[in-house]
Amino acid sequence: MVHTPDDRFLLDATGKLSGRGAYVCPSPECLGLAVKRKGFDRAFRQAVPRDALAGLEESVREHLVPASREGAAG
């Protein structure tokens, strides 16, 4: 996840977006734990808006979970 200079919080799968970044393992469980423990708030040194966290959770589900399911099917 990255906090961009234009004040947006985005999932950065490439690690190349400009801004302050925070890493979390690519699983819904790790993400949930990071949110619960306010890890993103600490990493970005500010409160991360709930809508940004909800968008991140949705992005993780869309991009990371289907890939692991495909691997298990093959």
PDB file of N, CA and C in Angstrom:
ATOM      1  N   MET A   1       0.864  -1.157   0.000  1.00  0.00           N
ATOM      2  CA  MET A   1       0.000   0.000   0.000  1.00  0.00           C
ATOM      3  C   MET A   1       0.906   1.214   0.000  1.00  0.00           C
ATOM      4  N   VAL A   2       0.455   2.246  -0.694  1.00  0.00           N
ATOM      5  CA  VAL A   2       1.246   3.473  -0.766  1.00  0.00           C
ATOM      6  C   VAL A   2       0.336   4.679  -0.550  1.00  0.00           C
ATOM      7  N   HIS A   3       0.882   5.684   0.149  1.00  0.00           N
ATOM      8  CA  HIS A   3       0.211   6.970   0.313  1.00  0.00           C
ATOM      9  C   HIS A   3       0.878   7.909  -0.675  1.00  0.00           C
ATOM     10  N   THR A   4       0.159   8.271  -1.729  1.00  0.00           N
ATOM     11  CA  THR A   4       0.731   9.047  -2.822  1.00  0.00           C
ATOM     12  C   THR A   4       0.839  10.525  -2.453  1.00  0.00           C
ATOM     13  N   PRO A   5       1.683  11.265  -3.166  1.00  0.00           N
ATOM     14  CA  PRO A   5       1.821  12.703  -2.906  1.00  0.00           C
ATOM     15  C   PRO A   5       0.508  13.477  -3.070  1.00  0.00           C
ATOM     16  N   ASP A   6      -0.431  12.943  -3.882  1.00  0.00           N
ATOM     17  CA  ASP A   6      -1.719  13.630  -4.041  1.00  0.00           C
ATOM     18  C   ASP A   6      -2.757  13.139  -3.011  1.00  0.00           C
ATOM     19  N   ASP A   7      -2.261  12.539  -1.901  1.00  0.00           N
ATOM     20  CA  ASP A   7      -3.059  12.157  -0.729  1.00  0.00           C
ATOM     21  C   ASP A   7      -4.044  11.025  -0.982  1.00  0.00           C
ATOM     22  N   ARG A   8      -3.663  10.067  -1.828  1.00  0.00           N
ATOM     23  CA  ARG A   8      -4.486   8.865  -2.033  1.00  0.00           C
ATOM     24  C   ARG A   8      -3.760   7.666  -1.445  1.00  0.00           C
ATOM     25  N   PHE A   9      -4.536   6.678  -1.018  1.00  0.00           N
ATOM     26  CA  PHE A   9      -3.989   5.418  -0.524  1.00  0.00           C
ATOM     27  C   PHE A   9      -4.347   4.348  -1.536  1.00  0.00           C
ATOM     28  N   LEU A  10      -3.315   3.694  -2.108  1.00  0.00           N
ATOM     29  CA  LEU A  10      -3.535   2.735  -3.186  1.00  0.00           C
ATOM     30  C   LEU A  10      -2.764   1.443  -2.938  1.00  0.00           C
ATOM     31  N   LEU A  11      -3.292   0.353  -3.474  1.00  0.00           N
ATOM     32  CA  LEU A  11      -2.546  -0.892  -3.497  1.00  0.00           C
ATOM     33  C   LEU A  11      -1.488  -0.767  -4.583  1.00  0.00           C
ATOM     34  N   ASP A  12      -0.243  -1.014  -4.229  1.00  0.00           N
ATOM     35  CA  ASP A  12       0.861  -0.908  -5.182  1.00  0.00           C
ATOM     36  C   ASP A  12       1.544  -2.260  -5.306  1.00  0.00           C
ATOM     37  N   ALA A  13       0.999  -3.099  -6.164  1.00  0.00           N
ATOM     38  CA  ALA A  13       1.543  -4.448  -6.343  1.00  0.00           C
ATOM     39  C   ALA A  13       2.946  -4.427  -6.946  1.00  0.00           C
ATOM     40  N   THR A  14       3.278  -3.360  -7.685  1.00  0.00           N
ATOM     41  CA  THR A  14       4.587  -3.274  -8.335  1.00  0.00           C
ATOM     42  C   THR A  14       5.663  -2.718  -7.414  1.00  0.00           C
ATOM     43  N   GLY A  15       5.267  -1.971  -6.393  1.00  0.00           N
ATOM     44  CA  GLY A  15       6.237  -1.329  -5.515  1.00  0.00           C
ATOM     45  C   GLY A  15       6.934  -0.149  -6.146  1.00  0.00           C
ATOM     46  N   LYS A  16       6.360   0.386  -7.220  1.00  0.00           N
ATOM     47  CA  LYS A  16       7.023   1.458  -7.953  1.00  0.00           C
ATOM     48  C   LYS A  16       6.300   2.801  -7.890  1.00  0.00           C
ATOM     49  N   LEU A  17       5.123   2.853  -7.251  1.00  0.00           N
ATOM     50  CA  LEU A  17       4.407   4.126  -7.166  1.00  0.00           C
ATOM     51  C   LEU A  17       5.141   5.079  -6.239  1.00  0.00           C
ATOM     52  N   SER A  18       5.029   6.360  -6.535  1.00  0.00           N
ATOM     53  CA  SER A  18       5.663   7.390  -5.726  1.00  0.00           C
ATOM     54  C   SER A  18       4.869   7.608  -4.446  1.00  0.00           C
ATOM     55  N   GLY A  19       5.569   7.763  -3.337  1.00  0.00           N
ATOM     56  CA  GLY A  19       4.918   8.032  -2.066  1.00  0.00           C
ATOM     57  C   GLY A  19       5.480   7.163  -0.964  1.00  0.00           C
ATOM     58  N   ARG A  20       4.897   7.293   0.209  1.00  0.00           N
ATOM     59  CA  ARG A  20       5.320   6.497   1.373  1.00  0.00           C
ATOM     60  C   ARG A  20       4.626   5.150   1.330  1.00  0.00           C
ATOM     61  N   GLY A  21       5.368   4.074   1.431  1.00  0.00           N
ATOM     62  CA  GLY A  21       4.797   2.744   1.307  1.00  0.00           C
ATOM     63  C   GLY A  21       4.762   1.972   2.610  1.00  0.00           C
ATOM     64  N   ALA A  22       3.870   0.996   2.649  1.00  0.00           N
ATOM     65  CA  ALA A  22       3.779   0.070   3.774  1.00  0.00           C
ATOM     66  C   ALA A  22       3.555  -1.319   3.192  1.00  0.00           C
ATOM     67  N   TYR A  23       4.257  -2.299   3.740  1.00  0.00           N
ATOM     68  CA  TYR A  23       4.168  -3.663   3.233  1.00  0.00           C
ATOM     69  C   TYR A  23       3.319  -4.514   4.161  1.00  0.00           C
ATOM     70  N   VAL A  24       2.600  -5.464   3.570  1.00  0.00           N
ATOM     71  CA  VAL A  24       1.842  -6.451   4.320  1.00  0.00           C
ATOM     72  C   VAL A  24       1.850  -7.729   3.496  1.00  0.00           C
ATOM     73  N   CYS A  25       1.854  -8.876   4.159  1.00  0.00           N
ATOM     74  CA  CYS A  25       1.869 -10.121   3.398  1.00  0.00           C
ATOM     75  C   CYS A  25       0.577 -10.237   2.580  1.00  0.00           C
ATOM     76  N   PRO A  26       0.629 -10.913   1.453  1.00  0.00           N
ATOM     77  CA  PRO A  26      -0.509 -10.942   0.516  1.00  0.00           C
ATOM     78  C   PRO A  26      -1.601 -11.934   0.894  1.00  0.00           C
ATOM     79  N   SER A  27      -2.208 -11.724   2.068  1.00  0.00           N
ATOM     80  CA  SER A  27      -3.329 -12.576   2.445  1.00  0.00           C
ATOM     81  C   SER A  27      -4.358 -11.743   3.203  1.00  0.00           C
ATOM     82  N   PRO A  28      -5.615 -12.084   3.074  1.00  0.00           N
ATOM     83  CA  PRO A  28      -6.655 -11.353   3.804  1.00  0.00           C
ATOM     84  C   PRO A  28      -6.443 -11.409   5.320  1.00  0.00           C
ATOM     85  N   GLU A  29      -5.886 -12.501   5.826  1.00  0.00           N
ATOM     86  CA  GLU A  29      -5.653 -12.628   7.258  1.00  0.00           C
ATOM     87  C   GLU A  29      -4.623 -11.615   7.746  1.00  0.00           C
ATOM     88  N   CYS A  30      -3.511 -11.490   7.034  1.00  0.00           N
ATOM     89  CA  CYS A  30      -2.470 -10.530   7.410  1.00  0.00           C
ATOM     90  C   CYS A  30      -3.002  -9.106   7.316  1.00  0.00           C
ATOM     91  N   LEU A  31      -3.735  -8.829   6.274  1.00  0.00           N
ATOM     92  CA  LEU A  31      -4.302  -7.498   6.099  1.00  0.00           C
ATOM     93  C   LEU A  31      -5.241  -7.163   7.256  1.00  0.00           C
ATOM     94  N   GLY A  32      -6.108  -8.106   7.613  1.00  0.00           N
ATOM     95  CA  GLY A  32      -7.039  -7.874   8.713  1.00  0.00           C
ATOM     96  C   GLY A  32      -6.323  -7.603  10.022  1.00  0.00           C
ATOM     97  N   LEU A  33      -5.244  -8.330  10.257  1.00  0.00           N
ATOM     98  CA  LEU A  33      -4.471  -8.142  11.472  1.00  0.00           C
ATOM     99  C   LEU A  33      -3.782  -6.770  11.467  1.00  0.00           C
ATOM    100  N   ALA A  34      -3.245  -6.365  10.331  1.00  0.00           N
ATOM    101  CA  ALA A  34      -2.592  -5.055  10.224  1.00  0.00           C
ATOM    102  C   ALA A  34      -3.590  -3.930  10.470  1.00  0.00           C
ATOM    103  N   VAL A  35      -4.807  -4.077   9.953  1.00  0.00           N
ATOM    104  CA  VAL A  35      -5.845  -3.065  10.165  1.00  0.00           C
ATOM    105  C   VAL A  35      -6.231  -3.038  11.645  1.00  0.00           C
ATOM    106  N   LYS A  36      -6.460  -4.209  12.222  1.00  0.00           N
ATOM    107  CA  LYS A  36      -6.879  -4.307  13.626  1.00  0.00           C
ATOM    108  C   LYS A  36      -5.840  -3.690  14.562  1.00  0.00           C
ATOM    109  N   ARG A  37      -4.576  -3.919  14.272  1.00  0.00           N
ATOM    110  CA  ARG A  37      -3.499  -3.404  15.129  1.00  0.00           C
ATOM    111  C   ARG A  37      -3.039  -2.001  14.743  1.00  0.00           C
ATOM    112  N   LYS A  38      -3.734  -1.375  13.791  1.00  0.00           N
ATOM    113  CA  LYS A  38      -3.421  -0.014  13.327  1.00  0.00           C
ATOM    114  C   LYS A  38      -2.001   0.108  12.763  1.00  0.00           C
ATOM    115  N   GLY A  39      -1.562  -0.948  12.097  1.00  0.00           N
ATOM    116  CA  GLY A  39      -0.236  -0.940  11.496  1.00  0.00           C
ATOM    117  C   GLY A  39      -0.088   0.083  10.382  1.00  0.00           C
ATOM    118  N   PHE A  40      -1.137   0.277   9.597  1.00  0.00           N
ATOM    119  CA  PHE A  40      -1.055   1.262   8.517  1.00  0.00           C
ATOM    120  C   PHE A  40      -1.019   2.676   9.075  1.00  0.00           C
ATOM    121  N   ASP A  41      -1.770   2.937  10.137  1.00  0.00           N
ATOM    122  CA  ASP A  41      -1.730   4.260  10.761  1.00  0.00           C
ATOM    123  C   ASP A  41      -0.312   4.586  11.228  1.00  0.00           C
ATOM    124  N   ARG A  42       0.352   3.603  11.831  1.00  0.00           N
ATOM    125  CA  ARG A  42       1.740   3.818  12.288  1.00  0.00           C
ATOM    126  C   ARG A  42       2.683   3.994  11.105  1.00  0.00           C
ATOM    127  N   ALA A  43       2.530   3.172  10.082  1.00  0.00           N
ATOM    128  CA  ALA A  43       3.435   3.238   8.928  1.00  0.00           C
ATOM    129  C   ALA A  43       3.331   4.572   8.197  1.00  0.00           C
ATOM    130  N   PHE A  44       2.103   5.066   8.081  1.00  0.00           N
ATOM    131  CA  PHE A  44       1.912   6.323   7.348  1.00  0.00           C
ATOM    132  C   PHE A  44       1.923   7.546   8.256  1.00  0.00           C
ATOM    133  N   ARG A  45       2.073   7.307   9.576  1.00  0.00           N
ATOM    134  CA  ARG A  45       2.153   8.388  10.559  1.00  0.00           C
ATOM    135  C   ARG A  45       0.930   9.290  10.543  1.00  0.00           C
ATOM    136  N   GLN A  46      -0.217   8.683  10.272  1.00  0.00           N
ATOM    137  CA  GLN A  46      -1.498   9.392  10.281  1.00  0.00           C
ATOM    138  C   GLN A  46      -2.613   8.360  10.231  1.00  0.00           C
ATOM    139  N   ALA A  47      -3.808   8.789  10.573  1.00  0.00           N
ATOM    140  CA  ALA A  47      -4.952   7.875  10.504  1.00  0.00           C
ATOM    141  C   ALA A  47      -5.297   7.630   9.036  1.00  0.00           C
ATOM    142  N   VAL A  48      -5.356   6.371   8.654  1.00  0.00           N
ATOM    143  CA  VAL A  48      -5.732   6.010   7.286  1.00  0.00           C
ATOM    144  C   VAL A  48      -7.263   5.935   7.239  1.00  0.00           C
ATOM    145  N   PRO A  49      -7.898   6.643   6.288  1.00  0.00           N
ATOM    146  CA  PRO A  49      -9.364   6.636   6.212  1.00  0.00           C
ATOM    147  C   PRO A  49      -9.923   5.227   6.019  1.00  0.00           C
ATOM    148  N   ARG A  50     -11.057   4.975   6.648  1.00  0.00           N
ATOM    149  CA  ARG A  50     -11.696   3.658   6.552  1.00  0.00           C
ATOM    150  C   ARG A  50     -12.007   3.277   5.112  1.00  0.00           C
ATOM    151  N   ASP A  51     -12.407   4.251   4.297  1.00  0.00           N
ATOM    152  CA  ASP A  51     -12.721   3.919   2.900  1.00  0.00           C
ATOM    153  C   ASP A  51     -11.472   3.464   2.148  1.00  0.00           C
ATOM    154  N   ALA A  52     -10.309   4.007   2.508  1.00  0.00           N
ATOM    155  CA  ALA A  52      -9.063   3.568   1.876  1.00  0.00           C
ATOM    156  C   ALA A  52      -8.737   2.138   2.293  1.00  0.00           C
ATOM    157  N   LEU A  53      -8.961   1.811   3.566  1.00  0.00           N
ATOM    158  CA  LEU A  53      -8.710   0.448   4.031  1.00  0.00           C
ATOM    159  C   LEU A  53      -9.696  -0.530   3.406  1.00  0.00           C
ATOM    160  N   ALA A  54     -10.949  -0.108   3.255  1.00  0.00           N
ATOM    161  CA  ALA A  54     -11.952  -0.971   2.616  1.00  0.00           C
ATOM    162  C   ALA A  54     -11.572  -1.217   1.153  1.00  0.00           C
ATOM    163  N   GLY A  55     -11.087  -0.183   0.477  1.00  0.00           N
ATOM    164  CA  GLY A  55     -10.641  -0.345  -0.906  1.00  0.00           C
ATOM    165  C   GLY A  55      -9.449  -1.267  -1.012  1.00  0.00           C
ATOM    166  N   LEU A  56      -8.542  -1.195  -0.050  1.00  0.00           N
ATOM    167  CA  LEU A  56      -7.387  -2.081  -0.038  1.00  0.00           C
ATOM    168  C   LEU A  56      -7.825  -3.526   0.175  1.00  0.00           C
ATOM    169  N   GLU A  57      -8.746  -3.751   1.107  1.00  0.00           N
ATOM    170  CA  GLU A  57      -9.248  -5.104   1.349  1.00  0.00           C
ATOM    171  C   GLU A  57      -9.903  -5.673   0.095  1.00  0.00           C
ATOM    172  N   GLU A  58     -10.662  -4.848  -0.609  1.00  0.00           N
ATOM    173  CA  GLU A  58     -11.307  -5.292  -1.847  1.00  0.00           C
ATOM    174  C   GLU A  58     -10.260  -5.624  -2.913  1.00  0.00           C
ATOM    175  N   SER A  59      -9.246  -4.782  -3.033  1.00  0.00           N
ATOM    176  CA  SER A  59      -8.181  -5.026  -4.012  1.00  0.00           C
ATOM    177  C   SER A  59      -7.431  -6.320  -3.714  1.00  0.00           C
ATOM    178  N   VAL A  60      -7.175  -6.578  -2.442  1.00  0.00           N
ATOM    179  CA  VAL A  60      -6.487  -7.820  -2.063  1.00  0.00           C
ATOM    180  C   VAL A  60      -7.338  -9.011  -2.469  1.00  0.00           C
ATOM    181  N   ARG A  61      -8.635  -8.944  -2.169  1.00  0.00           N
ATOM    182  CA  ARG A  61      -9.516 -10.058  -2.534  1.00  0.00           C
ATOM    183  C   ARG A  61      -9.535 -10.273  -4.041  1.00  0.00           C
ATOM    184  N   GLU A  62      -9.601  -9.193  -4.823  1.00  0.00           N
ATOM    185  CA  GLU A  62      -9.688  -9.295  -6.286  1.00  0.00           C
ATOM    186  C   GLU A  62      -8.392  -9.789  -6.911  1.00  0.00           C
ATOM    187  N   HIS A  63      -7.251  -9.295  -6.433  1.00  0.00           N
ATOM    188  CA  HIS A  63      -5.979  -9.565  -7.096  1.00  0.00           C
ATOM    189  C   HIS A  63      -5.199 -10.732  -6.529  1.00  0.00           C
ATOM    190  N   LEU A  64      -5.300 -10.985  -5.253  1.00  0.00           N
ATOM    191  CA  LEU A  64      -4.449 -11.992  -4.647  1.00  0.00           C
ATOM    192  C   LEU A  64      -5.156 -13.306  -4.397  1.00  0.00           C
ATOM    193  N   VAL A  65      -6.387 -13.276  -3.955  1.00  0.00           N
ATOM    194  CA  VAL A  65      -7.094 -14.513  -3.641  1.00  0.00           C
ATOM    195  C   VAL A  65      -7.371 -15.347  -4.885  1.00  0.00           C
ATOM    196  N   PRO A  66      -7.868 -14.766  -6.002  1.00  0.00           N
ATOM    197  CA  PRO A  66      -8.094 -15.608  -7.191  1.00  0.00           C
ATOM    198  C   PRO A  66      -6.827 -16.279  -7.698  1.00  0.00           C
ATOM    199  N   ALA A  67      -5.698 -15.631  -7.608  1.00  0.00           N
ATOM    200  CA  ALA A  67      -4.442 -16.224  -8.078  1.00  0.00           C
ATOM    201  C   ALA A  67      -4.098 -17.466  -7.266  1.00  0.00           C
ATOM    202  N   SER A  68      -4.326 -17.428  -5.965  1.00  0.00           N
ATOM    203  CA  SER A  68      -4.004 -18.595  -5.147  1.00  0.00           C
ATOM    204  C   SER A  68      -4.996 -19.734  -5.416  1.00  0.00           C
ATOM    205  N   ARG A  69      -6.220 -19.407  -5.715  1.00  0.00           N
ATOM    206  CA  ARG A  69      -7.205 -20.437  -6.031  1.00  0.00           C
ATOM    207  C   ARG A  69      -6.878 -21.134  -7.351  1.00  0.00           C
ATOM    208  N   GLU A  70      -6.401 -20.348  -8.338  1.00  0.00           N
ATOM    209  CA  GLU A  70      -6.045 -20.930  -9.627  1.00  0.00           C
ATOM    210  C   GLU A  70      -4.895 -21.911  -9.457  1.00  0.00           C
ATOM    211  N   GLY A  71      -3.924 -21.548  -8.614  1.00  0.00           N
ATOM    212  CA  GLY A  71      -2.781 -22.423  -8.391  1.00  0.00           C
ATOM    213  C   GLY A  71      -3.188 -23.724  -7.737  1.00  0.00           C
ATOM    214  N   ALA A  72      -4.179 -23.661  -6.848  1.00  0.00           N
ATOM    215  CA  ALA A  72      -4.625 -24.860  -6.150  1.00  0.00           C
ATOM    216  C   ALA A  72      -5.416 -25.776  -7.082  1.00  0.00           C
ATOM    217  N   ALA A  73      -6.078 -25.187  -8.078  1.00  0.00           N
ATOM    218  CA  ALA A  73      -6.892 -25.979  -9.004  1.00  0.00           C
ATOM    219  C   ALA A  73      -6.029 -26.746 -10.000  1.00  0.00           C
ATOM    220  N   GLY A  74      -4.827 -26.254 -10.296  1.00  0.00           N
ATOM    221  CA  GLY A  74      -4.013 -26.862 -11.335  1.00  0.00           C
ATOM    222  C   GLY A  74      -3.047 -27.793 -10.842  1.00  0.00           C
TER     223      GLY A  74
END
